[in-house]
Amino acid sequence: MDLCLVYMTAGDEEEARKIGKALVEERLAACVNILGGMNSFYWWDGKIQDDAEAVLLAKTRRALVPDLINRVKAIHSYEVPCIVAVPITDGNPRFLAWVEGETAR
């Protein structure tokens, strides 16, 4: 199995829900968790920003990451959305098999 956890941020929980639902409906992710109430500090346009955001954690197959990135970029409100894939090296075998099965096309 070649699986990834994809970390993303969104401007608010409503946008995160829209993105998460699209990824699961289109089988680009088996599951998306949304963590609200996150705050981010970052540089943008030459200034430090201090913004509330929501985090999305998607479980998917590595082969689907390019399509997942393109889909998120198409519906995201940010000019440069944070989308980072991290390989899953181990975990509950039954859960990992479920992720693989739910993202099979």
C-alpha atoms as a PDB file:
ATOM      1  CA  MET A   1       0.000   0.000   0.000  1.00  0.00           C
ATOM      2  CA  ASP A   2       1.246   3.448  -0.910  1.00  0.00           C
ATOM      3  CA  LEU A   3      -0.894   5.829   1.160  1.00  0.00           C
ATOM      4  CA  CYS A   4      -0.631   9.480   2.197  1.00  0.00           C
ATOM      5  CA  LEU A   5      -2.027  11.842   4.759  1.00  0.00           C
ATOM      6  CA  VAL A   6      -2.705  15.188   3.085  1.00  0.00           C
ATOM      7  CA  TYR A   7      -2.605  18.267   5.324  1.00  0.00           C
ATOM      8  CA  MET A   8      -4.517  21.313   4.078  1.00  0.00           C
ATOM      9  CA  THR A   9      -5.809  24.575   5.496  1.00  0.00           C
ATOM     10  CA  ALA A  10      -8.921  26.555   4.603  1.00  0.00           C
ATOM     11  CA  GLY A  11     -10.203  30.007   5.490  1.00  0.00           C
ATOM     12  CA  ASP A  12     -13.018  28.667   7.656  1.00  0.00           C
ATOM     13  CA  GLU A  13     -14.935  25.523   8.510  1.00  0.00           C
ATOM     14  CA  GLU A  14     -17.549  26.129   5.804  1.00  0.00           C
ATOM     15  CA  GLU A  15     -14.895  26.134   3.097  1.00  0.00           C
ATOM     16  CA  ALA A  16     -13.181  23.128   4.697  1.00  0.00           C
ATOM     17  CA  ARG A  17     -16.480  21.205   4.655  1.00  0.00           C
ATOM     18  CA  LYS A  18     -17.001  22.056   0.965  1.00  0.00           C
ATOM     19  CA  ILE A  19     -13.505  20.837   0.079  1.00  0.00           C
ATOM     20  CA  GLY A  20     -13.694  17.734   2.272  1.00  0.00           C
ATOM     21  CA  LYS A  21     -17.054  16.662   0.921  1.00  0.00           C
ATOM     22  CA  ALA A  22     -15.898  17.082  -2.692  1.00  0.00           C
ATOM     23  CA  LEU A  23     -12.773  14.980  -2.085  1.00  0.00           C
ATOM     24  CA  VAL A  24     -14.736  12.133  -0.507  1.00  0.00           C
ATOM     25  CA  GLU A  25     -17.586  12.255  -3.045  1.00  0.00           C
ATOM     26  CA  GLU A  26     -15.086  12.079  -5.898  1.00  0.00           C
ATOM     27  CA  ARG A  27     -13.148   9.251  -4.161  1.00  0.00           C
ATOM     28  CA  LEU A  28      -9.983  11.333  -4.101  1.00  0.00           C
ATOM     29  CA  ALA A  29      -9.893  10.661  -0.348  1.00  0.00           C
ATOM     30  CA  ALA A  30     -11.400   7.903   1.776  1.00  0.00           C
ATOM     31  CA  CYS A  31     -11.871  10.246   4.727  1.00  0.00           C
ATOM     32  CA  VAL A  32     -11.329  13.916   5.526  1.00  0.00           C
ATOM     33  CA  ASN A  33     -11.142  15.186   9.092  1.00  0.00           C
ATOM     34  CA  ILE A  34     -11.778  18.871   9.770  1.00  0.00           C
ATOM     35  CA  LEU A  35     -10.223  20.581  12.772  1.00  0.00           C
ATOM     36  CA  GLY A  36     -11.633  24.028  13.430  1.00  0.00           C
ATOM     37  CA  GLY A  37     -10.422  26.740  15.741  1.00  0.00           C
ATOM     38  CA  MET A  38      -6.867  26.814  14.413  1.00  0.00           C
ATOM     39  CA  ASN A  39      -4.868  30.026  14.229  1.00  0.00           C
ATOM     40  CA  SER A  40      -2.044  30.669  11.775  1.00  0.00           C
ATOM     41  CA  PHE A  41       0.783  33.179  11.673  1.00  0.00           C
ATOM     42  CA  TYR A  42       2.489  33.502   8.288  1.00  0.00           C
ATOM     43  CA  TRP A  43       4.105  35.963   5.921  1.00  0.00           C
ATOM     44  CA  TRP A  44       1.938  37.208   3.029  1.00  0.00           C
ATOM     45  CA  ASP A  45       2.308  40.355   0.940  1.00  0.00           C
ATOM     46  CA  GLY A  46       5.288  41.457   3.026  1.00  0.00           C
ATOM     47  CA  LYS A  47       3.403  41.396   6.345  1.00  0.00           C
ATOM     48  CA  ILE A  48       2.886  38.874   9.113  1.00  0.00           C
ATOM     49  CA  GLN A  49      -0.703  37.628   8.997  1.00  0.00           C
ATOM     50  CA  ASP A  50      -2.671  36.362  12.014  1.00  0.00           C
ATOM     51  CA  ASP A  51      -5.715  34.433  10.805  1.00  0.00           C
ATOM     52  CA  ALA A  52      -8.227  31.876  11.991  1.00  0.00           C
ATOM     53  CA  GLU A  53      -8.316  28.826   9.723  1.00  0.00           C
ATOM     54  CA  ALA A  54      -9.557  25.241   9.618  1.00  0.00           C
ATOM     55  CA  VAL A  55      -7.327  22.208   9.059  1.00  0.00           C
ATOM     56  CA  LEU A  56      -8.229  19.317   6.783  1.00  0.00           C
ATOM     57  CA  LEU A  57      -6.555  15.914   7.035  1.00  0.00           C
ATOM     58  CA  ALA A  58      -7.296  13.627   4.095  1.00  0.00           C
ATOM     59  CA  LYS A  59      -6.376   9.959   3.828  1.00  0.00           C
ATOM     60  CA  THR A  60      -5.703   8.802   0.284  1.00  0.00           C
ATOM     61  CA  ARG A  61      -3.505   6.809  -2.081  1.00  0.00           C
ATOM     62  CA  ARG A  62      -0.273   8.451  -3.219  1.00  0.00           C
ATOM     63  CA  ALA A  63      -1.275   8.008  -6.874  1.00  0.00           C
ATOM     64  CA  LEU A  64      -4.312  10.254  -6.295  1.00  0.00           C
ATOM     65  CA  VAL A  65      -2.393  13.148  -4.719  1.00  0.00           C
ATOM     66  CA  PRO A  66      -1.861  15.092  -7.990  1.00  0.00           C
ATOM     67  CA  ASP A  67      -5.606  14.910  -8.793  1.00  0.00           C
ATOM     68  CA  LEU A  68      -6.474  15.810  -5.190  1.00  0.00           C
ATOM     69  CA  ILE A  69      -4.175  18.859  -5.337  1.00  0.00           C
ATOM     70  CA  ASN A  70      -5.704  20.020  -8.625  1.00  0.00           C
ATOM     71  CA  ARG A  71      -9.253  19.596  -7.301  1.00  0.00           C
ATOM     72  CA  VAL A  72      -8.516  21.504  -4.091  1.00  0.00           C
ATOM     73  CA  LYS A  73      -6.844  24.335  -6.021  1.00  0.00           C
ATOM     74  CA  ALA A  74      -9.895  24.559  -8.309  1.00  0.00           C
ATOM     75  CA  ILE A  75     -12.369  25.111  -5.443  1.00  0.00           C
ATOM     76  CA  HIS A  76     -10.201  26.807  -2.803  1.00  0.00           C
ATOM     77  CA  SER A  77     -10.499  30.525  -2.084  1.00  0.00           C
ATOM     78  CA  TYR A  78      -6.762  31.022  -1.439  1.00  0.00           C
ATOM     79  CA  GLU A  79      -4.381  32.117  -4.160  1.00  0.00           C
ATOM     80  CA  VAL A  80      -1.788  29.630  -2.834  1.00  0.00           C
ATOM     81  CA  PRO A  81      -3.510  27.009  -0.657  1.00  0.00           C
ATOM     82  CA  CYS A  82      -1.487  24.873   1.741  1.00  0.00           C
ATOM     83  CA  ILE A  83      -1.642  21.272   0.483  1.00  0.00           C
ATOM     84  CA  VAL A  84       1.090  18.948   1.752  1.00  0.00           C
ATOM     85  CA  ALA A  85       1.197  15.161   1.355  1.00  0.00           C
ATOM     86  CA  VAL A  86       2.985  13.059   3.968  1.00  0.00           C
ATOM     87  CA  PRO A  87       3.605   9.346   3.370  1.00  0.00           C
ATOM     88  CA  ILE A  88       1.908   6.918   5.743  1.00  0.00           C
ATOM     89  CA  THR A  89       4.572   4.431   6.753  1.00  0.00           C
ATOM     90  CA  ASP A  90       2.556   2.287   9.165  1.00  0.00           C
ATOM     91  CA  GLY A  91      -0.809   1.967  10.860  1.00  0.00           C
ATOM     92  CA  ASN A  92      -3.778  -0.268  11.540  1.00  0.00           C
ATOM     93  CA  PRO A  93      -3.691  -2.707   8.591  1.00  0.00           C
ATOM     94  CA  ARG A  94      -7.483  -2.943   8.388  1.00  0.00           C
ATOM     95  CA  PHE A  95      -7.837   0.857   8.338  1.00  0.00           C
ATOM     96  CA  LEU A  96      -5.149   1.230   5.680  1.00  0.00           C
ATOM     97  CA  ALA A  97      -6.858  -1.438   3.554  1.00  0.00           C
ATOM     98  CA  TRP A  98     -10.129   0.460   3.973  1.00  0.00           C
ATOM     99  CA  VAL A  99      -8.492   3.697   2.742  1.00  0.00           C
ATOM    100  CA  GLU A 100      -7.136   1.873  -0.275  1.00  0.00           C
ATOM    101  CA  GLY A 101     -10.492   0.270  -1.038  1.00  0.00           C
ATOM    102  CA  GLU A 102     -12.496   3.480  -0.702  1.00  0.00           C
ATOM    103  CA  THR A 103     -10.209   5.343  -3.091  1.00  0.00           C
ATOM    104  CA  ALA A 104     -10.117   2.623  -5.751  1.00  0.00           C
ATOM    105  CA  ARG A 105     -11.301   3.838  -9.120  1.00  0.00           C
END
